[in-house]
Amino acid sequence: MSDPAVFVQHDAESLAQAVSARLITRLVDVQSSGRSPQIVLTGGTIADLIHRAVAGSPARDGVDWARVGIWWGDERFVPADDEQRNELQARAALLDTLPLDPRNVHPMPTPEQTGNDPDLAAQLYADELARASRPGDHGAVPTFDVLMLGVGPDGHVASLFPGRPALYDERTAVAVRAAPKPPPTRITMTLPALGRSHEVWFVVSGPDKAAAVRLALGGAGVIQVPAAGPRGIQGTRWLLDQAAAAQLPPDLPRLTST
């Protein structure tokens, strides 16, 4: 697993533009090698800015979107038309603007699809991950090319919250109940699944995330700070704005700072 590399942009908007350009380049590179890339999306304010930046980028036409697989690291277990859903946010800002193959888009199941059973929803997503796994993946999860994660002020990633049972779970996807932030019921990939990506990108913006970023990069334990856990097989990148990077140790290398 790779050591983290830190990149800092001036503000949230410039961060979104930089991540957008990096993502498009990564997708083009993977397709140039003859593979169909698999990416994992996250939710939240900065994710929405990134989605809109990709949608508005002229370079996006260099990607064969019909050969891109789309997954989610976690989802709020709310009705399909609820604006809290990460899927709905991504579709409105980006996915509905792209010529995707619907068979390659893998949203997490909704309460309507599962009789309001989050455990069934998690199992169905685990099954879908397993079906997409190839012999070379050596497990029940496809090896993603890019997995994007936001970080909460408490250090949570996806819907893995500090000290909660899901952090210990070895399954690939699980239900989360009584989450400490609304909505309380969620579906999430687990740490073993989140670690099955060539590159893991933590995309973090805002001063309320600065302490969590410092702890995650400063050697905190994964049970106390879940963001300290996921690492990419080839690369782990912390893509920050200056506000989120404000508490980083001054001697921590930053590969870009604008």
Protein backbone atom coordinates (compact mmCIF):
# COMPACT_ATOMS: atom_id res chain seq x y z
CA MET A 1 0.00 0.00 0.00
CA SER A 2 1.16 3.52 -0.78
CA ASP A 3 2.21 6.38 1.47
CA PRO A 4 0.01 9.49 1.26
CA ALA A 5 0.91 12.43 -0.97
CA VAL A 6 -0.57 15.85 -0.18
CA PHE A 7 -1.70 18.41 -2.78
CA VAL A 8 -3.06 21.81 -1.75
CA GLN A 9 -5.12 24.23 -3.82
CA HIS A 10 -6.16 27.75 -2.90
CA ASP A 11 -9.89 27.24 -2.36
CA ALA A 12 -12.76 24.82 -2.95
CA GLU A 13 -13.39 25.95 -6.51
CA SER A 14 -9.77 25.60 -7.60
CA LEU A 15 -9.62 22.26 -5.80
CA ALA A 16 -12.66 21.03 -7.73
CA GLN A 17 -11.14 22.13 -11.02
CA ALA A 18 -7.84 20.42 -10.22
CA VAL A 19 -9.54 17.17 -9.21
CA SER A 20 -11.72 17.28 -12.32
CA ALA A 21 -8.66 17.60 -14.57
CA ARG A 22 -6.86 14.83 -12.67
CA LEU A 23 -9.87 12.50 -12.93
CA ILE A 24 -10.35 13.03 -16.66
CA THR A 25 -6.63 12.44 -17.25
CA ARG A 26 -6.73 9.26 -15.19
CA LEU A 27 -9.73 7.91 -17.10
CA VAL A 28 -8.10 8.64 -20.46
CA ASP A 29 -4.87 6.96 -19.34
CA VAL A 30 -6.68 3.81 -18.18
CA GLN A 31 -8.65 3.58 -21.41
CA SER A 32 -5.46 4.11 -23.43
CA SER A 33 -4.11 0.98 -21.77
CA GLY A 34 -7.08 -1.00 -23.08
CA ARG A 35 -9.02 -1.26 -19.83
CA SER A 36 -12.44 0.02 -18.83
CA PRO A 37 -11.94 2.18 -15.73
CA GLN A 38 -13.92 1.70 -12.56
CA ILE A 39 -14.38 4.71 -10.27
CA VAL A 40 -16.03 5.18 -6.88
CA LEU A 41 -17.85 8.43 -6.17
CA THR A 42 -18.48 10.16 -2.88
CA GLY A 43 -21.01 12.79 -1.84
CA GLY A 44 -21.03 16.18 -0.19
CA THR A 45 -20.39 19.78 -1.17
CA ILE A 46 -16.92 19.34 -2.64
CA ALA A 47 -18.03 16.25 -4.56
CA ASP A 48 -20.83 18.30 -6.10
CA LEU A 49 -18.32 20.95 -7.19
CA ILE A 50 -16.11 18.26 -8.73
CA HIS A 51 -19.03 16.70 -10.59
CA ARG A 52 -19.98 20.10 -12.02
CA ALA A 53 -16.38 20.80 -12.99
CA VAL A 54 -16.16 17.50 -14.92
CA ALA A 55 -19.53 18.21 -16.59
CA GLY A 56 -18.31 21.63 -17.70
CA SER A 57 -14.86 20.57 -18.88
CA PRO A 58 -14.22 20.43 -22.65
CA ALA A 59 -11.66 17.70 -21.92
CA ARG A 60 -14.41 15.35 -20.78
CA ASP A 61 -15.05 14.44 -24.43
CA GLY A 62 -11.71 12.65 -24.46
CA VAL A 63 -13.24 9.94 -22.25
CA ASP A 64 -15.30 7.08 -23.67
CA TRP A 65 -17.93 7.30 -20.94
CA ALA A 66 -19.76 4.21 -22.19
CA ARG A 67 -16.76 2.23 -20.92
CA VAL A 68 -16.59 3.76 -17.44
CA GLY A 69 -17.95 1.91 -14.41
CA ILE A 70 -19.50 4.06 -11.68
CA TRP A 71 -19.80 2.94 -8.05
CA TRP A 72 -20.48 4.61 -4.71
CA GLY A 73 -18.55 4.22 -1.47
CA ASP A 74 -21.64 4.81 0.62
CA GLU A 75 -25.24 5.90 0.38
CA ARG A 76 -27.97 7.32 2.56
CA PHE A 77 -30.74 4.73 2.92
CA VAL A 78 -33.53 7.07 1.89
CA PRO A 79 -36.08 6.94 -0.95
CA ALA A 80 -34.78 7.09 -4.51
CA ASP A 81 -36.08 10.64 -5.01
CA ASP A 82 -34.68 12.01 -1.74
CA GLU A 83 -32.18 14.81 -2.33
CA GLN A 84 -29.98 13.39 0.43
CA ARG A 85 -28.97 10.50 -1.83
CA ASN A 86 -25.42 10.70 -3.14
CA GLU A 87 -26.63 9.05 -6.34
CA LEU A 88 -29.23 11.74 -6.98
CA GLN A 89 -26.65 14.48 -6.40
CA ALA A 90 -24.21 12.86 -8.83
CA ARG A 91 -26.84 12.29 -11.50
CA ALA A 92 -28.09 15.87 -11.37
CA ALA A 93 -24.61 17.44 -11.52
CA LEU A 94 -22.80 15.03 -13.85
CA LEU A 95 -24.05 11.57 -14.72
CA ASP A 96 -27.18 12.64 -16.58
CA THR A 97 -24.99 14.80 -18.84
CA LEU A 98 -22.77 11.90 -19.92
CA PRO A 99 -23.28 9.12 -22.51
CA LEU A 100 -22.92 6.38 -19.90
CA ASP A 101 -23.96 2.79 -20.38
CA PRO A 102 -26.65 2.26 -17.69
CA ARG A 103 -25.34 -1.27 -17.15
CA ASN A 104 -22.08 0.24 -15.88
CA VAL A 105 -23.70 2.50 -13.27
CA HIS A 106 -24.06 0.77 -9.91
CA PRO A 107 -26.14 2.76 -7.38
CA MET A 108 -26.76 1.30 -3.96
CA PRO A 109 -30.27 -0.15 -3.49
CA THR A 110 -33.08 1.99 -2.13
CA PRO A 111 -35.66 1.23 0.57
CA GLU A 112 -38.27 0.74 -2.19
CA GLN A 113 -36.15 -1.99 -3.77
CA THR A 114 -35.51 -3.90 -0.57
CA GLY A 115 -38.69 -3.67 1.52
CA ASN A 116 -36.97 -1.03 3.67
CA ASP A 117 -34.32 -3.55 4.74
CA PRO A 118 -30.84 -1.96 4.88
CA ASP A 119 -29.14 -5.30 5.55
CA LEU A 120 -30.63 -6.68 2.34
CA ALA A 121 -29.53 -3.54 0.50
CA ALA A 122 -25.97 -4.01 1.74
CA GLN A 123 -25.97 -7.69 0.76
CA LEU A 124 -27.29 -6.88 -2.72
CA TYR A 125 -24.50 -4.35 -3.21
CA ALA A 126 -21.92 -6.83 -1.97
CA ASP A 127 -23.29 -9.32 -4.49
CA GLU A 128 -23.02 -6.74 -7.29
CA LEU A 129 -19.43 -5.99 -6.33
CA ALA A 130 -18.64 -9.70 -6.38
CA ARG A 131 -20.18 -10.13 -9.83
CA ALA A 132 -17.98 -7.34 -11.17
CA SER A 133 -14.81 -8.85 -9.71
CA ARG A 134 -12.42 -10.43 -12.17
CA PRO A 135 -9.96 -13.29 -11.57
CA GLY A 136 -7.07 -10.84 -11.32
CA ASP A 137 -8.80 -8.92 -8.54
CA HIS A 138 -8.21 -11.79 -6.09
CA GLY A 139 -11.31 -11.05 -4.03
CA ALA A 140 -14.97 -10.16 -3.93
CA VAL A 141 -14.49 -6.56 -5.06
CA PRO A 142 -13.30 -5.21 -8.41
CA THR A 143 -10.01 -3.36 -8.27
CA PHE A 144 -11.12 0.23 -8.75
CA ASP A 145 -8.98 2.73 -10.60
CA VAL A 146 -9.96 5.79 -8.55
CA LEU A 147 -11.85 5.81 -5.26
CA MET A 148 -12.80 9.25 -3.98
CA LEU A 149 -13.55 9.91 -0.32
CA GLY A 150 -14.64 12.94 1.60
CA VAL A 151 -13.71 13.33 5.25
CA GLY A 152 -16.06 14.49 8.01
CA PRO A 153 -15.05 16.81 10.85
CA ASP A 154 -15.02 13.73 13.09
CA GLY A 155 -12.68 11.88 10.71
CA HIS A 156 -15.31 9.60 9.20
CA VAL A 157 -15.08 8.40 5.60
CA ALA A 158 -17.90 6.92 3.53
CA SER A 159 -20.32 6.00 6.36
CA LEU A 160 -17.61 4.57 8.61
CA PHE A 161 -17.81 6.60 11.82
CA PRO A 162 -15.32 6.60 14.71
CA GLY A 163 -15.69 3.69 17.09
CA ARG A 164 -18.61 2.08 15.26
CA PRO A 165 -18.98 -1.66 14.55
CA ALA A 166 -18.74 -1.27 10.76
CA LEU A 167 -15.04 -0.47 11.16
CA TYR A 168 -14.40 -4.03 12.29
CA ASP A 169 -16.55 -5.70 9.61
CA GLU A 170 -14.80 -7.89 7.04
CA ARG A 171 -17.71 -7.98 4.60
CA THR A 172 -17.53 -5.70 1.57
CA ALA A 173 -20.71 -3.70 2.23
CA VAL A 174 -22.77 -3.32 5.41
CA ALA A 175 -25.73 -1.44 6.81
CA VAL A 176 -25.10 1.37 9.29
CA ARG A 177 -27.77 2.27 11.83
CA ALA A 178 -27.91 5.17 14.28
CA ALA A 179 -25.25 7.13 12.41
CA PRO A 180 -24.15 10.19 14.41
CA LYS A 181 -25.20 12.49 11.56
CA PRO A 182 -28.46 12.39 9.62
CA PRO A 183 -29.84 10.41 7.99
CA PRO A 184 -29.23 7.70 10.58
CA THR A 185 -29.48 4.66 8.30
CA ARG A 186 -26.90 4.15 5.56
CA ILE A 187 -25.14 1.61 3.40
CA THR A 188 -21.36 1.67 3.16
CA MET A 189 -18.43 -0.18 1.75
CA THR A 190 -16.12 -1.37 4.51
CA LEU A 191 -12.41 -0.74 4.97
CA PRO A 192 -11.37 -3.92 3.12
CA ALA A 193 -13.44 -2.86 0.10
CA LEU A 194 -12.25 0.77 0.20
CA GLY A 195 -8.68 -0.47 0.09
CA ARG A 196 -9.19 -2.27 -3.22
CA SER A 197 -8.35 0.67 -5.47
CA HIS A 198 -5.25 1.52 -7.44
CA GLU A 199 -5.60 5.11 -6.27
CA VAL A 200 -7.48 6.49 -3.25
CA TRP A 201 -8.20 10.22 -3.35
CA PHE A 202 -9.25 12.05 -0.21
CA VAL A 203 -10.91 15.25 -1.41
CA VAL A 204 -11.36 17.66 1.49
CA SER A 205 -12.40 21.29 1.70
CA GLY A 206 -13.14 23.72 4.53
CA PRO A 207 -11.75 24.76 7.91
CA ASP A 208 -14.02 22.38 9.83
CA LYS A 209 -12.09 19.44 8.33
CA ALA A 210 -8.59 20.70 9.22
CA ALA A 211 -8.29 18.87 12.55
CA ALA A 212 -9.47 15.58 11.03
CA VAL A 213 -6.97 15.92 8.18
CA ARG A 214 -4.16 16.58 10.67
CA LEU A 215 -5.07 13.54 12.74
CA ALA A 216 -5.49 11.22 9.75
CA LEU A 217 -2.08 12.21 8.36
CA GLY A 218 -0.44 12.32 11.77
CA GLY A 219 -0.64 8.65 12.68
CA ALA A 220 -4.03 8.45 14.41
CA GLY A 221 -5.62 5.02 14.77
CA VAL A 222 -8.26 4.00 12.27
CA ILE A 223 -10.86 3.24 14.97
CA GLN A 224 -10.61 6.78 16.31
CA VAL A 225 -10.09 8.42 12.88
CA PRO A 226 -11.39 6.18 10.08
CA ALA A 227 -9.82 8.46 7.45
CA ALA A 228 -6.44 7.12 8.60
CA GLY A 229 -7.33 3.71 7.17
CA PRO A 230 -7.91 3.55 3.39
CA ARG A 231 -4.78 3.41 1.23
CA GLY A 232 -4.46 2.96 -2.51
CA ILE A 233 -2.53 0.04 -3.94
CA GLN A 234 -0.49 2.40 -6.14
CA GLY A 235 -1.25 5.87 -4.79
CA THR A 236 -2.97 7.66 -1.91
CA ARG A 237 -3.61 11.34 -2.53
CA TRP A 238 -4.90 13.97 -0.15
CA LEU A 239 -6.34 16.72 -2.32
CA LEU A 240 -7.03 19.70 -0.07
CA ASP A 241 -7.85 23.37 -0.15
CA GLN A 242 -5.85 25.71 2.05
CA ALA A 243 -8.54 25.80 4.73
CA ALA A 244 -8.54 22.00 5.12
CA ALA A 245 -4.72 22.00 5.12
CA ALA A 246 -4.43 24.72 7.76
CA GLN A 247 -3.39 22.43 10.61
CA LEU A 248 -0.95 20.20 8.75
CA PRO A 249 2.54 20.01 10.26
CA PRO A 250 4.79 22.53 8.48
CA ASP A 251 7.35 19.83 7.67
CA LEU A 252 4.80 17.61 5.85
CA PRO A 253 5.72 17.60 2.14
CA ARG A 254 3.13 19.16 -0.18
CA LEU A 255 3.60 18.32 -3.82
CA THR A 256 1.66 21.32 -5.06
CA SER A 257 0.51 24.46 -3.33
CA THR A 258 -1.29 27.22 -5.20
